[in-house]
Amino acid sequence: MTAPPCLNCPDRRIGCHDPAVCLRWAAYDEIHRAELAAMPSRKEWVDMVEYIHDRRRRYMPGRWKKGDK
């Protein structure tokens, strides 16, 4: 994810996070929205995590047994 441009901005003040006021913020906002649109939805992410956990439970059960090495 792209970092906001405000950290070392000399023009930083109250109300500067407006695309009409700050051109840097407008560019950041556009990039940030594109990054968020490219990310999977929350449901897709949960499905991927559940799939990975299911694969691990099914194919690697012996790795978590204590004492057997």
PDB file of N, CA and C in Angstrom:
ATOM      1  N   MET A   1       0.837  -1.173   0.000  1.00  0.00           N
ATOM      2  CA  MET A   1       0.000   0.000   0.000  1.00  0.00           C
ATOM      3  C   MET A   1       0.888   1.245   0.000  1.00  0.00           C
ATOM      4  N   THR A   2       0.412   2.231  -0.670  1.00  0.00           N
ATOM      5  CA  THR A   2       1.130   3.485  -0.788  1.00  0.00           C
ATOM      6  C   THR A   2       0.981   4.290   0.508  1.00  0.00           C
ATOM      7  N   ALA A   3       2.069   4.884   0.942  1.00  0.00           N
ATOM      8  CA  ALA A   3       2.039   5.712   2.151  1.00  0.00           C
ATOM      9  C   ALA A   3       1.476   7.091   1.815  1.00  0.00           C
ATOM     10  N   PRO A   4       0.712   7.686   2.726  1.00  0.00           N
ATOM     11  CA  PRO A   4       0.192   9.029   2.483  1.00  0.00           C
ATOM     12  C   PRO A   4       1.323  10.053   2.389  1.00  0.00           C
ATOM     13  N   PRO A   5       1.138  11.097   1.620  1.00  0.00           N
ATOM     14  CA  PRO A   5       2.203  12.079   1.399  1.00  0.00           C
ATOM     15  C   PRO A   5       2.333  13.114   2.511  1.00  0.00           C
ATOM     16  N   CYS A   6       1.636  12.968   3.611  1.00  0.00           N
ATOM     17  CA  CYS A   6       1.564  14.027   4.623  1.00  0.00           C
ATOM     18  C   CYS A   6       2.725  14.048   5.598  1.00  0.00           C
ATOM     19  N   LEU A   7       3.486  12.990   5.712  1.00  0.00           N
ATOM     20  CA  LEU A   7       4.445  12.876   6.799  1.00  0.00           C
ATOM     21  C   LEU A   7       5.433  14.039   6.833  1.00  0.00           C
ATOM     22  N   ASN A   8       6.075  14.334   5.741  1.00  0.00           N
ATOM     23  CA  ASN A   8       7.065  15.410   5.705  1.00  0.00           C
ATOM     24  C   ASN A   8       6.614  16.574   4.819  1.00  0.00           C
ATOM     25  N   CYS A   9       5.338  16.754   4.707  1.00  0.00           N
ATOM     26  CA  CYS A   9       4.809  17.806   3.833  1.00  0.00           C
ATOM     27  C   CYS A   9       4.934  19.179   4.498  1.00  0.00           C
ATOM     28  N   PRO A  10       5.559  20.143   3.818  1.00  0.00           N
ATOM     29  CA  PRO A  10       5.687  21.490   4.408  1.00  0.00           C
ATOM     30  C   PRO A  10       4.368  22.261   4.408  1.00  0.00           C
ATOM     31  N   ASP A  11       3.422  21.870   3.562  1.00  0.00           N
ATOM     32  CA  ASP A  11       2.139  22.572   3.463  1.00  0.00           C
ATOM     33  C   ASP A  11       1.047  21.930   4.319  1.00  0.00           C
ATOM     34  N   ARG A  12       1.411  21.064   5.245  1.00  0.00           N
ATOM     35  CA  ARG A  12       0.441  20.345   6.054  1.00  0.00           C
ATOM     36  C   ARG A  12      -0.256  21.298   7.027  1.00  0.00           C
ATOM     37  N   ARG A  13      -1.599  21.231   7.025  1.00  0.00           N
ATOM     38  CA  ARG A  13      -2.401  22.057   7.918  1.00  0.00           C
ATOM     39  C   ARG A  13      -3.778  21.405   8.053  1.00  0.00           C
ATOM     40  N   ILE A  14      -4.619  21.958   8.881  1.00  0.00           N
ATOM     41  CA  ILE A  14      -5.969  21.423   9.065  1.00  0.00           C
ATOM     42  C   ILE A  14      -6.757  21.618   7.773  1.00  0.00           C
ATOM     43  N   GLY A  15      -7.379  20.563   7.317  1.00  0.00           N
ATOM     44  CA  GLY A  15      -8.197  20.622   6.108  1.00  0.00           C
ATOM     45  C   GLY A  15      -7.439  20.399   4.817  1.00  0.00           C
ATOM     46  N   CYS A  16      -6.186  19.981   4.894  1.00  0.00           N
ATOM     47  CA  CYS A  16      -5.416  19.810   3.657  1.00  0.00           C
ATOM     48  C   CYS A  16      -5.720  18.483   2.955  1.00  0.00           C
ATOM     49  N   HIS A  17      -6.451  17.571   3.603  1.00  0.00           N
ATOM     50  CA  HIS A  17      -6.787  16.304   2.957  1.00  0.00           C
ATOM     51  C   HIS A  17      -8.032  16.455   2.088  1.00  0.00           C
ATOM     52  N   ASP A  18      -7.929  17.328   1.150  1.00  0.00           N
ATOM     53  CA  ASP A  18      -8.997  17.588   0.192  1.00  0.00           C
ATOM     54  C   ASP A  18      -8.353  17.637  -1.181  1.00  0.00           C
ATOM     55  N   PRO A  19      -8.823  16.823  -2.129  1.00  0.00           N
ATOM     56  CA  PRO A  19      -8.213  16.818  -3.463  1.00  0.00           C
ATOM     57  C   PRO A  19      -8.242  18.179  -4.153  1.00  0.00           C
ATOM     58  N   ALA A  20      -9.200  19.038  -3.808  1.00  0.00           N
ATOM     59  CA  ALA A  20      -9.258  20.365  -4.419  1.00  0.00           C
ATOM     60  C   ALA A  20      -8.176  21.288  -3.856  1.00  0.00           C
ATOM     61  N   VAL A  21      -7.678  20.994  -2.653  1.00  0.00           N
ATOM     62  CA  VAL A  21      -6.685  21.854  -2.002  1.00  0.00           C
ATOM     63  C   VAL A  21      -5.267  21.351  -2.250  1.00  0.00           C
ATOM     64  N   CYS A  22      -5.055  20.051  -2.108  1.00  0.00           N
ATOM     65  CA  CYS A  22      -3.711  19.487  -2.177  1.00  0.00           C
ATOM     66  C   CYS A  22      -3.585  18.533  -3.365  1.00  0.00           C
ATOM     67  N   LEU A  23      -2.715  18.862  -4.310  1.00  0.00           N
ATOM     68  CA  LEU A  23      -2.536  18.010  -5.483  1.00  0.00           C
ATOM     69  C   LEU A  23      -1.883  16.679  -5.128  1.00  0.00           C
ATOM     70  N   ARG A  24      -0.986  16.709  -4.131  1.00  0.00           N
ATOM     71  CA  ARG A  24      -0.354  15.456  -3.695  1.00  0.00           C
ATOM     72  C   ARG A  24      -1.390  14.509  -3.103  1.00  0.00           C
ATOM     73  N   TRP A  25      -2.308  15.064  -2.319  1.00  0.00           N
ATOM     74  CA  TRP A  25      -3.350  14.232  -1.721  1.00  0.00           C
ATOM     75  C   TRP A  25      -4.279  13.686  -2.801  1.00  0.00           C
ATOM     76  N   ALA A  26      -4.573  14.463  -3.829  1.00  0.00           N
ATOM     77  CA  ALA A  26      -5.423  13.995  -4.924  1.00  0.00           C
ATOM     78  C   ALA A  26      -4.766  12.816  -5.642  1.00  0.00           C
ATOM     79  N   ALA A  27      -3.452  12.898  -5.884  1.00  0.00           N
ATOM     80  CA  ALA A  27      -2.752  11.799  -6.536  1.00  0.00           C
ATOM     81  C   ALA A  27      -2.728  10.561  -5.640  1.00  0.00           C
ATOM     82  N   TYR A  28      -2.482  10.773  -4.351  1.00  0.00           N
ATOM     83  CA  TYR A  28      -2.474   9.652  -3.409  1.00  0.00           C
ATOM     84  C   TYR A  28      -3.848   9.003  -3.336  1.00  0.00           C
ATOM     85  N   ASP A  29      -4.891   9.799  -3.274  1.00  0.00           N
ATOM     86  CA  ASP A  29      -6.249   9.266  -3.177  1.00  0.00           C
ATOM     87  C   ASP A  29      -6.594   8.416  -4.395  1.00  0.00           C
ATOM     88  N   GLU A  30      -6.190   8.857  -5.564  1.00  0.00           N
ATOM     89  CA  GLU A  30      -6.440   8.096  -6.794  1.00  0.00           C
ATOM     90  C   GLU A  30      -5.692   6.754  -6.776  1.00  0.00           C
ATOM     91  N   ILE A  31      -4.436   6.775  -6.381  1.00  0.00           N
ATOM     92  CA  ILE A  31      -3.641   5.546  -6.306  1.00  0.00           C
ATOM     93  C   ILE A  31      -4.209   4.609  -5.242  1.00  0.00           C
ATOM     94  N   HIS A  32      -4.588   5.155  -4.089  1.00  0.00           N
ATOM     95  CA  HIS A  32      -5.126   4.345  -2.996  1.00  0.00           C
ATOM     96  C   HIS A  32      -6.434   3.669  -3.400  1.00  0.00           C
ATOM     97  N   ARG A  33      -7.302   4.398  -4.087  1.00  0.00           N
ATOM     98  CA  ARG A  33      -8.569   3.810  -4.548  1.00  0.00           C
ATOM     99  C   ARG A  33      -8.320   2.677  -5.552  1.00  0.00           C
ATOM    100  N   ALA A  34      -7.331   2.847  -6.429  1.00  0.00           N
ATOM    101  CA  ALA A  34      -7.002   1.789  -7.396  1.00  0.00           C
ATOM    102  C   ALA A  34      -6.451   0.554  -6.675  1.00  0.00           C
ATOM    103  N   GLU A  35      -5.629   0.759  -5.646  1.00  0.00           N
ATOM    104  CA  GLU A  35      -5.101  -0.365  -4.875  1.00  0.00           C
ATOM    105  C   GLU A  35      -6.218  -1.110  -4.152  1.00  0.00           C
ATOM    106  N   LEU A  36      -7.148  -0.381  -3.567  1.00  0.00           N
ATOM    107  CA  LEU A  36      -8.262  -1.017  -2.874  1.00  0.00           C
ATOM    108  C   LEU A  36      -9.162  -1.781  -3.845  1.00  0.00           C
ATOM    109  N   ALA A  37      -9.342  -1.258  -5.042  1.00  0.00           N
ATOM    110  CA  ALA A  37     -10.172  -1.948  -6.031  1.00  0.00           C
ATOM    111  C   ALA A  37      -9.503  -3.231  -6.516  1.00  0.00           C
ATOM    112  N   ALA A  38      -8.174  -3.265  -6.518  1.00  0.00           N
ATOM    113  CA  ALA A  38      -7.452  -4.448  -6.984  1.00  0.00           C
ATOM    114  C   ALA A  38      -7.386  -5.553  -5.936  1.00  0.00           C
ATOM    115  N   MET A  39      -7.622  -5.203  -4.666  1.00  0.00           N
ATOM    116  CA  MET A  39      -7.565  -6.199  -3.598  1.00  0.00           C
ATOM    117  C   MET A  39      -8.806  -7.088  -3.637  1.00  0.00           C
ATOM    118  N   PRO A  40      -8.672  -8.342  -3.174  1.00  0.00           N
ATOM    119  CA  PRO A  40      -9.854  -9.216  -3.137  1.00  0.00           C
ATOM    120  C   PRO A  40     -10.850  -8.724  -2.082  1.00  0.00           C
ATOM    121  N   SER A  41     -12.111  -9.078  -2.294  1.00  0.00           N
ATOM    122  CA  SER A  41     -13.126  -8.685  -1.323  1.00  0.00           C
ATOM    123  C   SER A  41     -12.923  -9.454  -0.021  1.00  0.00           C
ATOM    124  N   ARG A  42     -13.595  -9.029   1.014  1.00  0.00           N
ATOM    125  CA  ARG A  42     -13.453  -9.677   2.327  1.00  0.00           C
ATOM    126  C   ARG A  42     -13.888 -11.140   2.260  1.00  0.00           C
ATOM    127  N   LYS A  43     -14.967 -11.430   1.515  1.00  0.00           N
ATOM    128  CA  LYS A  43     -15.443 -12.813   1.390  1.00  0.00           C
ATOM    129  C   LYS A  43     -14.424 -13.676   0.659  1.00  0.00           C
ATOM    130  N   GLU A  44     -13.834 -13.160  -0.405  1.00  0.00           N
ATOM    131  CA  GLU A  44     -12.803 -13.911  -1.127  1.00  0.00           C
ATOM    132  C   GLU A  44     -11.591 -14.169  -0.231  1.00  0.00           C
ATOM    133  N   TRP A  45     -11.210 -13.180   0.564  1.00  0.00           N
ATOM    134  CA  TRP A  45     -10.069 -13.332   1.456  1.00  0.00           C
ATOM    135  C   TRP A  45     -10.345 -14.399   2.510  1.00  0.00           C
ATOM    136  N   VAL A  46     -11.548 -14.386   3.095  1.00  0.00           N
ATOM    137  CA  VAL A  46     -11.917 -15.387   4.097  1.00  0.00           C
ATOM    138  C   VAL A  46     -11.930 -16.769   3.469  1.00  0.00           C
ATOM    139  N   ASP A  47     -12.456 -16.890   2.249  1.00  0.00           N
ATOM    140  CA  ASP A  47     -12.464 -18.185   1.564  1.00  0.00           C
ATOM    141  C   ASP A  47     -11.049 -18.705   1.341  1.00  0.00           C
ATOM    142  N   MET A  48     -10.114 -17.824   0.958  1.00  0.00           N
ATOM    143  CA  MET A  48      -8.728 -18.249   0.749  1.00  0.00           C
ATOM    144  C   MET A  48      -8.104 -18.739   2.052  1.00  0.00           C
ATOM    145  N   VAL A  49      -8.346 -18.019   3.140  1.00  0.00           N
ATOM    146  CA  VAL A  49      -7.782 -18.408   4.437  1.00  0.00           C
ATOM    147  C   VAL A  49      -8.349 -19.748   4.882  1.00  0.00           C
ATOM    148  N   GLU A  50      -9.660 -19.934   4.734  1.00  0.00           N
ATOM    149  CA  GLU A  50     -10.267 -21.211   5.115  1.00  0.00           C
ATOM    150  C   GLU A  50      -9.721 -22.352   4.264  1.00  0.00           C
ATOM    151  N   TYR A  51      -9.513 -22.120   2.987  1.00  0.00           N
ATOM    152  CA  TYR A  51      -8.966 -23.151   2.108  1.00  0.00           C
ATOM    153  C   TYR A  51      -7.561 -23.555   2.556  1.00  0.00           C
ATOM    154  N   ILE A  52      -6.729 -22.571   2.876  1.00  0.00           N
ATOM    155  CA  ILE A  52      -5.363 -22.862   3.309  1.00  0.00           C
ATOM    156  C   ILE A  52      -5.380 -23.635   4.623  1.00  0.00           C
ATOM    157  N   HIS A  53      -6.225 -23.229   5.568  1.00  0.00           N
ATOM    158  CA  HIS A  53      -6.300 -23.936   6.842  1.00  0.00           C
ATOM    159  C   HIS A  53      -6.796 -25.372   6.644  1.00  0.00           C
ATOM    160  N   ASP A  54      -7.760 -25.551   5.753  1.00  0.00           N
ATOM    161  CA  ASP A  54      -8.289 -26.888   5.494  1.00  0.00           C
ATOM    162  C   ASP A  54      -7.212 -27.782   4.885  1.00  0.00           C
ATOM    163  N   ARG A  55      -6.436 -27.252   3.956  1.00  0.00           N
ATOM    164  CA  ARG A  55      -5.357 -28.040   3.340  1.00  0.00           C
ATOM    165  C   ARG A  55      -4.329 -28.447   4.388  1.00  0.00           C
ATOM    166  N   ARG A  56      -4.008 -27.516   5.272  1.00  0.00           N
ATOM    167  CA  ARG A  56      -3.021 -27.828   6.311  1.00  0.00           C
ATOM    168  C   ARG A  56      -3.546 -28.895   7.256  1.00  0.00           C
ATOM    169  N   ARG A  57      -4.819 -28.795   7.653  1.00  0.00           N
ATOM    170  CA  ARG A  57      -5.393 -29.794   8.549  1.00  0.00           C
ATOM    171  C   ARG A  57      -5.437 -31.165   7.893  1.00  0.00           C
ATOM    172  N   ARG A  58      -5.705 -31.185   6.605  1.00  0.00           N
ATOM    173  CA  ARG A  58      -5.892 -32.453   5.919  1.00  0.00           C
ATOM    174  C   ARG A  58      -4.568 -33.131   5.577  1.00  0.00           C
ATOM    175  N   TYR A  59      -3.581 -32.388   5.127  1.00  0.00           N
ATOM    176  CA  TYR A  59      -2.366 -33.007   4.601  1.00  0.00           C
ATOM    177  C   TYR A  59      -1.160 -32.929   5.523  1.00  0.00           C
ATOM    178  N   MET A  60      -1.254 -32.189   6.621  1.00  0.00           N
ATOM    179  CA  MET A  60      -0.094 -32.076   7.503  1.00  0.00           C
ATOM    180  C   MET A  60      -0.475 -32.341   8.956  1.00  0.00           C
ATOM    181  N   PRO A  61      -1.274 -33.357   9.260  1.00  0.00           N
ATOM    182  CA  PRO A  61      -1.701 -33.527  10.653  1.00  0.00           C
ATOM    183  C   PRO A  61      -0.590 -34.014  11.569  1.00  0.00           C
ATOM    184  N   GLY A  62       0.390 -34.730  11.067  1.00  0.00           N
ATOM    185  CA  GLY A  62       1.439 -35.281  11.908  1.00  0.00           C
ATOM    186  C   GLY A  62       2.450 -34.267  12.386  1.00  0.00           C
ATOM    187  N   ARG A  63       2.490 -33.128  11.792  1.00  0.00           N
ATOM    188  CA  ARG A  63       3.487 -32.119  12.171  1.00  0.00           C
ATOM    189  C   ARG A  63       3.196 -31.502  13.527  1.00  0.00           C
ATOM    190  N   TRP A  64       1.943 -31.570  13.979  1.00  0.00           N
ATOM    191  CA  TRP A  64       1.598 -30.919  15.234  1.00  0.00           C
ATOM    192  C   TRP A  64       1.539 -31.877  16.414  1.00  0.00           C
ATOM    193  N   LYS A  65       1.889 -33.121  16.191  1.00  0.00           N
ATOM    194  CA  LYS A  65       1.900 -34.068  17.297  1.00  0.00           C
ATOM    195  C   LYS A  65       3.116 -33.798  18.176  1.00  0.00           C
ATOM    196  N   LYS A  66       2.894 -33.682  19.455  1.00  0.00           N
ATOM    197  CA  LYS A  66       4.011 -33.402  20.361  1.00  0.00           C
ATOM    198  C   LYS A  66       4.693 -34.710  20.751  1.00  0.00           C
ATOM    199  N   GLY A  67       5.987 -34.687  20.816  1.00  0.00           N
ATOM    200  CA  GLY A  67       6.746 -35.828  21.267  1.00  0.00           C
ATOM    201  C   GLY A  67       7.221 -36.745  20.156  1.00  0.00           C
ATOM    202  N   ASP A  68       6.594 -36.731  19.008  1.00  0.00           N
ATOM    203  CA  ASP A  68       7.023 -37.597  17.889  1.00  0.00           C
ATOM    204  C   ASP A  68       7.922 -36.795  16.968  1.00  0.00           C
ATOM    205  N   LYS A  69       9.213 -37.087  17.036  1.00  0.00           N
ATOM    206  CA  LYS A  69      10.149 -36.374  16.166  1.00  0.00           C
ATOM    207  C   LYS A  69      11.129 -37.318  15.563  1.00  0.00           C
TER     208      LYS A  69
END
